[in-house]
Amino acid sequence: RTPAETKPAEPTEIELLAQIRDTLIEQRRGP
């Protein structure tokens, strides 16, 4: 009867790779 707690979905492997790519691009640009 009680609604299931909705946990945020864990990022997929592709999403994690995209985040890593974006971080590397930011590091390459420099401050």
PDB file of all heavy atoms in Angstrom:
ATOM      1  N   ARG A   1       0.814  -1.219   0.000  1.00  0.00           N
ATOM      2  CA  ARG A   1       0.000   0.000   0.000  1.00  0.00           C
ATOM      3  C   ARG A   1       0.847   1.268   0.000  1.00  0.00           C
ATOM      4  O   ARG A   1       0.447   2.262  -0.579  1.00  0.00           O
ATOM      5  CB  ARG A   1      -0.917   0.024   1.225  1.00  0.00           C
ATOM      6  CG  ARG A   1      -2.058  -0.925   1.115  1.00  0.00           C
ATOM      7  CD  ARG A   1      -2.949  -0.805   2.310  1.00  0.00           C
ATOM      8  NE  ARG A   1      -3.977  -1.833   2.274  1.00  0.00           N
ATOM      9  CZ  ARG A   1      -4.718  -2.179   3.281  1.00  0.00           C
ATOM     10  NH1 ARG A   1      -4.551  -1.605   4.450  1.00  0.00           N
ATOM     11  NH2 ARG A   1      -5.621  -3.115   3.166  1.00  0.00           N
ATOM     12  N   THR A   2       1.968   1.232   0.681  1.00  0.00           N
ATOM     13  CA  THR A   2       2.799   2.429   0.747  1.00  0.00           C
ATOM     14  C   THR A   2       3.557   2.578  -0.562  1.00  0.00           C
ATOM     15  O   THR A   2       4.073   1.607  -1.112  1.00  0.00           O
ATOM     16  CB  THR A   2       3.807   2.351   1.913  1.00  0.00           C
ATOM     17  OG1 THR A   2       4.634   1.204   1.744  1.00  0.00           O
ATOM     18  CG2 THR A   2       3.103   2.275   3.248  1.00  0.00           C
ATOM     19  N   PRO A   3       3.610   3.804  -1.079  1.00  0.00           N
ATOM     20  CA  PRO A   3       4.322   3.983  -2.345  1.00  0.00           C
ATOM     21  C   PRO A   3       5.811   3.738  -2.154  1.00  0.00           C
ATOM     22  O   PRO A   3       6.381   4.068  -1.126  1.00  0.00           O
ATOM     23  CB  PRO A   3       4.052   5.448  -2.700  1.00  0.00           C
ATOM     24  CG  PRO A   3       3.687   6.101  -1.412  1.00  0.00           C
ATOM     25  CD  PRO A   3       3.068   5.030  -0.549  1.00  0.00           C
ATOM     26  N   ALA A   4       6.382   3.162  -3.159  1.00  0.00           N
ATOM     27  CA  ALA A   4       7.805   2.860  -3.097  1.00  0.00           C
ATOM     28  C   ALA A   4       8.591   4.163  -3.141  1.00  0.00           C
ATOM     29  O   ALA A   4       8.241   5.098  -3.855  1.00  0.00           O
ATOM     30  CB  ALA A   4       8.203   1.964  -4.261  1.00  0.00           C
ATOM     31  N   GLU A   5       9.635   4.225  -2.350  1.00  0.00           N
ATOM     32  CA  GLU A   5      10.476   5.418  -2.342  1.00  0.00           C
ATOM     33  C   GLU A   5      11.189   5.504  -3.683  1.00  0.00           C
ATOM     34  O   GLU A   5      11.764   4.536  -4.165  1.00  0.00           O
ATOM     35  CB  GLU A   5      11.495   5.331  -1.213  1.00  0.00           C
ATOM     36  CG  GLU A   5      10.884   5.378   0.159  1.00  0.00           C
ATOM     37  CD  GLU A   5      11.955   5.313   1.241  1.00  0.00           C
ATOM     38  OE1 GLU A   5      13.132   5.585   0.953  1.00  0.00           O
ATOM     39  OE2 GLU A   5      11.596   4.973   2.359  1.00  0.00           O
ATOM     40  N   THR A   6      11.140   6.706  -4.247  1.00  0.00           N
ATOM     41  CA  THR A   6      11.795   6.884  -5.537  1.00  0.00           C
ATOM     42  C   THR A   6      13.201   7.403  -5.288  1.00  0.00           C
ATOM     43  O   THR A   6      13.396   8.508  -4.813  1.00  0.00           O
ATOM     44  CB  THR A   6      11.007   7.869  -6.410  1.00  0.00           C
ATOM     45  OG1 THR A   6      10.852   9.095  -5.696  1.00  0.00           O
ATOM     46  CG2 THR A   6       9.648   7.299  -6.767  1.00  0.00           C
ATOM     47  N   LYS A   7      14.148   6.576  -5.598  1.00  0.00           N
ATOM     48  CA  LYS A   7      15.549   6.966  -5.492  1.00  0.00           C
ATOM     49  C   LYS A   7      15.966   7.530  -6.841  1.00  0.00           C
ATOM     50  O   LYS A   7      15.505   7.052  -7.877  1.00  0.00           O
ATOM     51  CB  LYS A   7      16.428   5.760  -5.150  1.00  0.00           C
ATOM     52  CG  LYS A   7      16.262   5.256  -3.744  1.00  0.00           C
ATOM     53  CD  LYS A   7      17.368   4.295  -3.403  1.00  0.00           C
ATOM     54  CE  LYS A   7      16.949   2.884  -3.717  1.00  0.00           C
ATOM     55  NZ  LYS A   7      17.928   1.888  -3.303  1.00  0.00           N
ATOM     56  N   PRO A   8      16.842   8.531  -6.807  1.00  0.00           N
ATOM     57  CA  PRO A   8      17.317   9.020  -8.106  1.00  0.00           C
ATOM     58  C   PRO A   8      18.061   7.899  -8.827  1.00  0.00           C
ATOM     59  O   PRO A   8      18.825   7.155  -8.233  1.00  0.00           O
ATOM     60  CB  PRO A   8      18.257  10.175  -7.735  1.00  0.00           C
ATOM     61  CG  PRO A   8      18.579   9.985  -6.290  1.00  0.00           C
ATOM     62  CD  PRO A   8      17.446   9.200  -5.696  1.00  0.00           C
ATOM     63  N   ALA A   9      17.779   7.824 -10.109  1.00  0.00           N
ATOM     64  CA  ALA A   9      18.388   6.746 -10.894  1.00  0.00           C
ATOM     65  C   ALA A   9      19.890   6.985 -10.987  1.00  0.00           C
ATOM     66  O   ALA A   9      20.343   8.113 -11.149  1.00  0.00           O
ATOM     67  CB  ALA A   9      17.776   6.699 -12.284  1.00  0.00           C
ATOM     68  N   GLU A  10      20.633   5.933 -10.850  1.00  0.00           N
ATOM     69  CA  GLU A  10      22.084   6.042 -10.968  1.00  0.00           C
ATOM     70  C   GLU A  10      22.430   6.303 -12.426  1.00  0.00           C
ATOM     71  O   GLU A  10      21.785   5.764 -13.329  1.00  0.00           O
ATOM     72  CB  GLU A  10      22.746   4.763 -10.469  1.00  0.00           C
ATOM     73  CG  GLU A  10      22.585   4.553  -8.983  1.00  0.00           C
ATOM     74  CD  GLU A  10      23.402   3.382  -8.487  1.00  0.00           C
ATOM     75  OE1 GLU A  10      24.374   2.986  -9.171  1.00  0.00           O
ATOM     76  OE2 GLU A  10      23.065   2.869  -7.422  1.00  0.00           O
ATOM     77  N   PRO A  11      23.450   7.139 -12.646  1.00  0.00           N
ATOM     78  CA  PRO A  11      23.795   7.438 -14.035  1.00  0.00           C
ATOM     79  C   PRO A  11      24.282   6.187 -14.763  1.00  0.00           C
ATOM     80  O   PRO A  11      24.934   5.325 -14.186  1.00  0.00           O
ATOM     81  CB  PRO A  11      24.915   8.480 -13.914  1.00  0.00           C
ATOM     82  CG  PRO A  11      25.385   8.419 -12.510  1.00  0.00           C
ATOM     83  CD  PRO A  11      24.279   7.822 -11.693  1.00  0.00           C
ATOM     84  N   THR A  12      23.949   6.162 -16.032  1.00  0.00           N
ATOM     85  CA  THR A  12      24.375   5.017 -16.838  1.00  0.00           C
ATOM     86  C   THR A  12      25.854   5.173 -17.184  1.00  0.00           C
ATOM     87  O   THR A  12      26.462   6.224 -16.964  1.00  0.00           O
ATOM     88  CB  THR A  12      23.551   4.929 -18.129  1.00  0.00           C
ATOM     89  OG1 THR A  12      23.820   6.105 -18.900  1.00  0.00           O
ATOM     90  CG2 THR A  12      22.074   4.795 -17.838  1.00  0.00           C
ATOM     91  N   GLU A  13      26.404   4.160 -17.769  1.00  0.00           N
ATOM     92  CA  GLU A  13      27.821   4.168 -18.141  1.00  0.00           C
ATOM     93  C   GLU A  13      28.107   5.258 -19.175  1.00  0.00           C
ATOM     94  O   GLU A  13      29.116   5.961 -19.113  1.00  0.00           O
ATOM     95  CB  GLU A  13      28.206   2.793 -18.678  1.00  0.00           C
ATOM     96  CG  GLU A  13      29.681   2.587 -18.822  1.00  0.00           C
ATOM     97  CD  GLU A  13      30.014   1.142 -19.193  1.00  0.00           C
ATOM     98  OE1 GLU A  13      29.391   0.212 -18.644  1.00  0.00           O
ATOM     99  OE2 GLU A  13      30.897   0.975 -20.044  1.00  0.00           O
ATOM    100  N   ILE A  14      27.181   5.440 -20.094  1.00  0.00           N
ATOM    101  CA  ILE A  14      27.362   6.460 -21.130  1.00  0.00           C
ATOM    102  C   ILE A  14      27.333   7.849 -20.500  1.00  0.00           C
ATOM    103  O   ILE A  14      28.137   8.729 -20.864  1.00  0.00           O
ATOM    104  CB  ILE A  14      26.294   6.307 -22.229  1.00  0.00           C
ATOM    105  CG1 ILE A  14      26.529   4.985 -22.969  1.00  0.00           C
ATOM    106  CG2 ILE A  14      26.294   7.487 -23.183  1.00  0.00           C
ATOM    107  CD1 ILE A  14      25.487   4.640 -23.992  1.00  0.00           C
ATOM    108  N   GLU A  15      26.409   8.061 -19.555  1.00  0.00           N
ATOM    109  CA  GLU A  15      26.342   9.360 -18.891  1.00  0.00           C
ATOM    110  C   GLU A  15      27.617   9.641 -18.101  1.00  0.00           C
ATOM    111  O   GLU A  15      28.124  10.773 -18.096  1.00  0.00           O
ATOM    112  CB  GLU A  15      25.119   9.436 -17.977  1.00  0.00           C
ATOM    113  CG  GLU A  15      23.796   9.441 -18.720  1.00  0.00           C
ATOM    114  CD  GLU A  15      22.592   9.283 -17.806  1.00  0.00           C
ATOM    115  OE1 GLU A  15      22.760   8.778 -16.665  1.00  0.00           O
ATOM    116  OE2 GLU A  15      21.499   9.663 -18.225  1.00  0.00           O
ATOM    117  N   LEU A  16      28.150   8.633 -17.431  1.00  0.00           N
ATOM    118  CA  LEU A  16      29.397   8.815 -16.688  1.00  0.00           C
ATOM    119  C   LEU A  16      30.554   9.145 -17.630  1.00  0.00           C
ATOM    120  O   LEU A  16      31.381  10.026 -17.354  1.00  0.00           O
ATOM    121  CB  LEU A  16      29.728   7.561 -15.870  1.00  0.00           C
ATOM    122  CG  LEU A  16      28.864   7.313 -14.637  1.00  0.00           C
ATOM    123  CD1 LEU A  16      29.208   5.957 -14.034  1.00  0.00           C
ATOM    124  CD2 LEU A  16      29.079   8.410 -13.617  1.00  0.00           C
ATOM    125  N   LEU A  17      30.627   8.464 -18.753  1.00  0.00           N
ATOM    126  CA  LEU A  17      31.684   8.746 -19.732  1.00  0.00           C
ATOM    127  C   LEU A  17      31.556  10.167 -20.289  1.00  0.00           C
ATOM    128  O   LEU A  17      32.558  10.858 -20.515  1.00  0.00           O
ATOM    129  CB  LEU A  17      31.663   7.711 -20.850  1.00  0.00           C
ATOM    130  CG  LEU A  17      32.142   6.308 -20.456  1.00  0.00           C
ATOM    131  CD1 LEU A  17      31.890   5.331 -21.598  1.00  0.00           C
ATOM    132  CD2 LEU A  17      33.602   6.328 -20.075  1.00  0.00           C
ATOM    133  N   ALA A  18      30.305  10.615 -20.494  1.00  0.00           N
ATOM    134  CA  ALA A  18      30.097  11.981 -20.982  1.00  0.00           C
ATOM    135  C   ALA A  18      30.556  12.998 -19.943  1.00  0.00           C
ATOM    136  O   ALA A  18      31.156  14.025 -20.285  1.00  0.00           O
ATOM    137  CB  ALA A  18      28.628  12.194 -21.336  1.00  0.00           C
ATOM    138  N   GLN A  19      30.294  12.729 -18.668  1.00  0.00           N
ATOM    139  CA  GLN A  19      30.747  13.629 -17.597  1.00  0.00           C
ATOM    140  C   GLN A  19      32.267  13.670 -17.533  1.00  0.00           C
ATOM    141  O   GLN A  19      32.869  14.739 -17.378  1.00  0.00           O
ATOM    142  CB  GLN A  19      30.175  13.189 -16.247  1.00  0.00           C
ATOM    143  CG  GLN A  19      28.700  13.429 -16.090  1.00  0.00           C
ATOM    144  CD  GLN A  19      28.172  12.851 -14.782  1.00  0.00           C
ATOM    145  OE1 GLN A  19      28.917  12.297 -13.984  1.00  0.00           O
ATOM    146  NE2 GLN A  19      26.867  12.988 -14.580  1.00  0.00           N
ATOM    147  N   ILE A  20      32.910  12.540 -17.689  1.00  0.00           N
ATOM    148  CA  ILE A  20      34.380  12.491 -17.675  1.00  0.00           C
ATOM    149  C   ILE A  20      34.931  13.286 -18.862  1.00  0.00           C
ATOM    150  O   ILE A  20      35.879  14.060 -18.728  1.00  0.00           O
ATOM    151  CB  ILE A  20      34.880  11.032 -17.693  1.00  0.00           C
ATOM    152  CG1 ILE A  20      34.511  10.334 -16.374  1.00  0.00           C
ATOM    153  CG2 ILE A  20      36.375  10.967 -17.947  1.00  0.00           C
ATOM    154  CD1 ILE A  20      34.740   8.847 -16.377  1.00  0.00           C
ATOM    155  N   ARG A  21      34.330  13.112 -20.030  1.00  0.00           N
ATOM    156  CA  ARG A  21      34.756  13.845 -21.227  1.00  0.00           C
ATOM    157  C   ARG A  21      34.643  15.346 -21.014  1.00  0.00           C
ATOM    158  O   ARG A  21      35.566  16.113 -21.312  1.00  0.00           O
ATOM    159  CB  ARG A  21      33.912  13.415 -22.435  1.00  0.00           C
ATOM    160  CG  ARG A  21      34.298  14.142 -23.715  1.00  0.00           C
ATOM    161  CD  ARG A  21      33.224  14.104 -24.753  1.00  0.00           C
ATOM    162  NE  ARG A  21      32.066  14.827 -24.212  1.00  0.00           N
ATOM    163  CZ  ARG A  21      30.812  14.588 -24.564  1.00  0.00           C
ATOM    164  NH1 ARG A  21      30.534  13.644 -25.430  1.00  0.00           N
ATOM    165  NH2 ARG A  21      29.823  15.278 -24.053  1.00  0.00           N
ATOM    166  N   ASP A  22      33.498  15.776 -20.464  1.00  0.00           N
ATOM    167  CA  ASP A  22      33.294  17.207 -20.224  1.00  0.00           C
ATOM    168  C   ASP A  22      34.302  17.751 -19.221  1.00  0.00           C
ATOM    169  O   ASP A  22      34.823  18.856 -19.381  1.00  0.00           O
ATOM    170  CB  ASP A  22      31.871  17.470 -19.735  1.00  0.00           C
ATOM    171  CG  ASP A  22      30.822  17.155 -20.797  1.00  0.00           C
ATOM    172  OD1 ASP A  22      31.195  17.075 -21.994  1.00  0.00           O
ATOM    173  OD2 ASP A  22      29.641  16.991 -20.419  1.00  0.00           O
ATOM    174  N   THR A  23      34.618  16.979 -18.191  1.00  0.00           N
ATOM    175  CA  THR A  23      35.612  17.411 -17.200  1.00  0.00           C
ATOM    176  C   THR A  23      36.979  17.527 -17.832  1.00  0.00           C
ATOM    177  O   THR A  23      37.723  18.495 -17.583  1.00  0.00           O
ATOM    178  CB  THR A  23      35.656  16.408 -16.021  1.00  0.00           C
ATOM    179  OG1 THR A  23      34.353  16.279 -15.474  1.00  0.00           O
ATOM    180  CG2 THR A  23      36.617  16.882 -14.939  1.00  0.00           C
ATOM    181  N   LEU A  24      37.360  16.599 -18.683  1.00  0.00           N
ATOM    182  CA  LEU A  24      38.655  16.656 -19.372  1.00  0.00           C
ATOM    183  C   LEU A  24      38.737  17.854 -20.307  1.00  0.00           C
ATOM    184  O   LEU A  24      39.780  18.511 -20.410  1.00  0.00           O
ATOM    185  CB  LEU A  24      38.910  15.354 -20.133  1.00  0.00           C
ATOM    186  CG  LEU A  24      39.204  14.117 -19.272  1.00  0.00           C
ATOM    187  CD1 LEU A  24      39.269  12.872 -20.151  1.00  0.00           C
ATOM    188  CD2 LEU A  24      40.499  14.310 -18.508  1.00  0.00           C
ATOM    189  N   ILE A  25      37.649  18.159 -20.970  1.00  0.00           N
ATOM    190  CA  ILE A  25      37.636  19.328 -21.867  1.00  0.00           C
ATOM    191  C   ILE A  25      37.823  20.600 -21.046  1.00  0.00           C
ATOM    192  O   ILE A  25      38.581  21.487 -21.434  1.00  0.00           O
ATOM    193  CB  ILE A  25      36.316  19.362 -22.684  1.00  0.00           C
ATOM    194  CG1 ILE A  25      36.304  18.222 -23.698  1.00  0.00           C
ATOM    195  CG2 ILE A  25      36.129  20.704 -23.373  1.00  0.00           C
ATOM    196  CD1 ILE A  25      35.002  18.065 -24.432  1.00  0.00           C
ATOM    197  N   GLU A  26      37.158  20.687 -19.904  1.00  0.00           N
ATOM    198  CA  GLU A  26      37.299  21.859 -19.041  1.00  0.00           C
ATOM    199  C   GLU A  26      38.733  21.983 -18.540  1.00  0.00           C
ATOM    200  O   GLU A  26      39.273  23.082 -18.468  1.00  0.00           O
ATOM    201  CB  GLU A  26      36.334  21.769 -17.848  1.00  0.00           C
ATOM    202  CG  GLU A  26      34.892  22.018 -18.196  1.00  0.00           C
ATOM    203  CD  GLU A  26      34.654  23.444 -18.654  1.00  0.00           C
ATOM    204  OE1 GLU A  26      35.252  24.384 -18.094  1.00  0.00           O
ATOM    205  OE2 GLU A  26      33.881  23.613 -19.609  1.00  0.00           O
ATOM    206  N   GLN A  27      39.355  20.880 -18.199  1.00  0.00           N
ATOM    207  CA  GLN A  27      40.739  20.921 -17.713  1.00  0.00           C
ATOM    208  C   GLN A  27      41.690  21.340 -18.831  1.00  0.00           C
ATOM    209  O   GLN A  27      42.673  22.047 -18.607  1.00  0.00           O
ATOM    210  CB  GLN A  27      41.152  19.556 -17.161  1.00  0.00           C
ATOM    211  CG  GLN A  27      40.544  19.217 -15.831  1.00  0.00           C
ATOM    212  CD  GLN A  27      40.928  17.810 -15.369  1.00  0.00           C
ATOM    213  OE1 GLN A  27      41.539  17.036 -16.100  1.00  0.00           O
ATOM    214  NE2 GLN A  27      40.549  17.496 -14.142  1.00  0.00           N
ATOM    215  N   ARG A  28      41.451  20.939 -20.060  1.00  0.00           N
ATOM    216  CA  ARG A  28      42.304  21.260 -21.192  1.00  0.00           C
ATOM    217  C   ARG A  28      42.235  22.750 -21.524  1.00  0.00           C
ATOM    218  O   ARG A  28      43.210  23.347 -21.948  1.00  0.00           O
ATOM    219  CB  ARG A  28      41.882  20.427 -22.397  1.00  0.00           C
ATOM    220  CG  ARG A  28      42.974  20.367 -23.436  1.00  0.00           C
ATOM    221  CD  ARG A  28      42.596  19.574 -24.644  1.00  0.00           C
ATOM    222  NE  ARG A  28      42.227  18.200 -24.356  1.00  0.00           N
ATOM    223  CZ  ARG A  28      41.607  17.422 -25.233  1.00  0.00           C
ATOM    224  NH1 ARG A  28      41.282  17.888 -26.416  1.00  0.00           N
ATOM    225  NH2 ARG A  28      41.301  16.195 -24.936  1.00  0.00           N
ATOM    226  N   ARG A  29      41.057  23.328 -21.354  1.00  0.00           N
ATOM    227  CA  ARG A  29      40.875  24.744 -21.639  1.00  0.00           C
ATOM    228  C   ARG A  29      41.703  25.599 -20.694  1.00  0.00           C
ATOM    229  O   ARG A  29      42.205  26.636 -21.072  1.00  0.00           O
ATOM    230  CB  ARG A  29      39.421  25.146 -21.483  1.00  0.00           C
ATOM    231  CG  ARG A  29      38.558  24.742 -22.616  1.00  0.00           C
ATOM    232  CD  ARG A  29      37.189  25.337 -22.441  1.00  0.00           C
ATOM    233  NE  ARG A  29      36.249  24.675 -23.317  1.00  0.00           N
ATOM    234  CZ  ARG A  29      34.960  24.715 -23.160  1.00  0.00           C
ATOM    235  NH1 ARG A  29      34.427  25.368 -22.147  1.00  0.00           N
ATOM    236  NH2 ARG A  29      34.174  24.119 -24.013  1.00  0.00           N
ATOM    237  N   GLY A  30      41.785  25.189 -19.452  1.00  0.00           N
ATOM    238  CA  GLY A  30      42.520  25.985 -18.470  1.00  0.00           C
ATOM    239  C   GLY A  30      41.614  27.029 -17.840  1.00  0.00           C
ATOM    240  O   GLY A  30      40.545  27.341 -18.355  1.00  0.00           O
ATOM    241  N   PRO A  31      42.076  27.618 -16.727  1.00  0.00           N
ATOM    242  CA  PRO A  31      41.242  28.609 -16.035  1.00  0.00           C
ATOM    243  C   PRO A  31      41.167  29.907 -16.826  1.00  0.00           C
ATOM    244  O   PRO A  31      42.159  30.380 -17.388  1.00  0.00           O
ATOM    245  CB  PRO A  31      41.955  28.813 -14.705  1.00  0.00           C
ATOM    246  CG  PRO A  31      43.361  28.362 -14.920  1.00  0.00           C
ATOM    247  CD  PRO A  31      43.309  27.348 -16.018  1.00  0.00           C
TER     248      PRO A  31
END
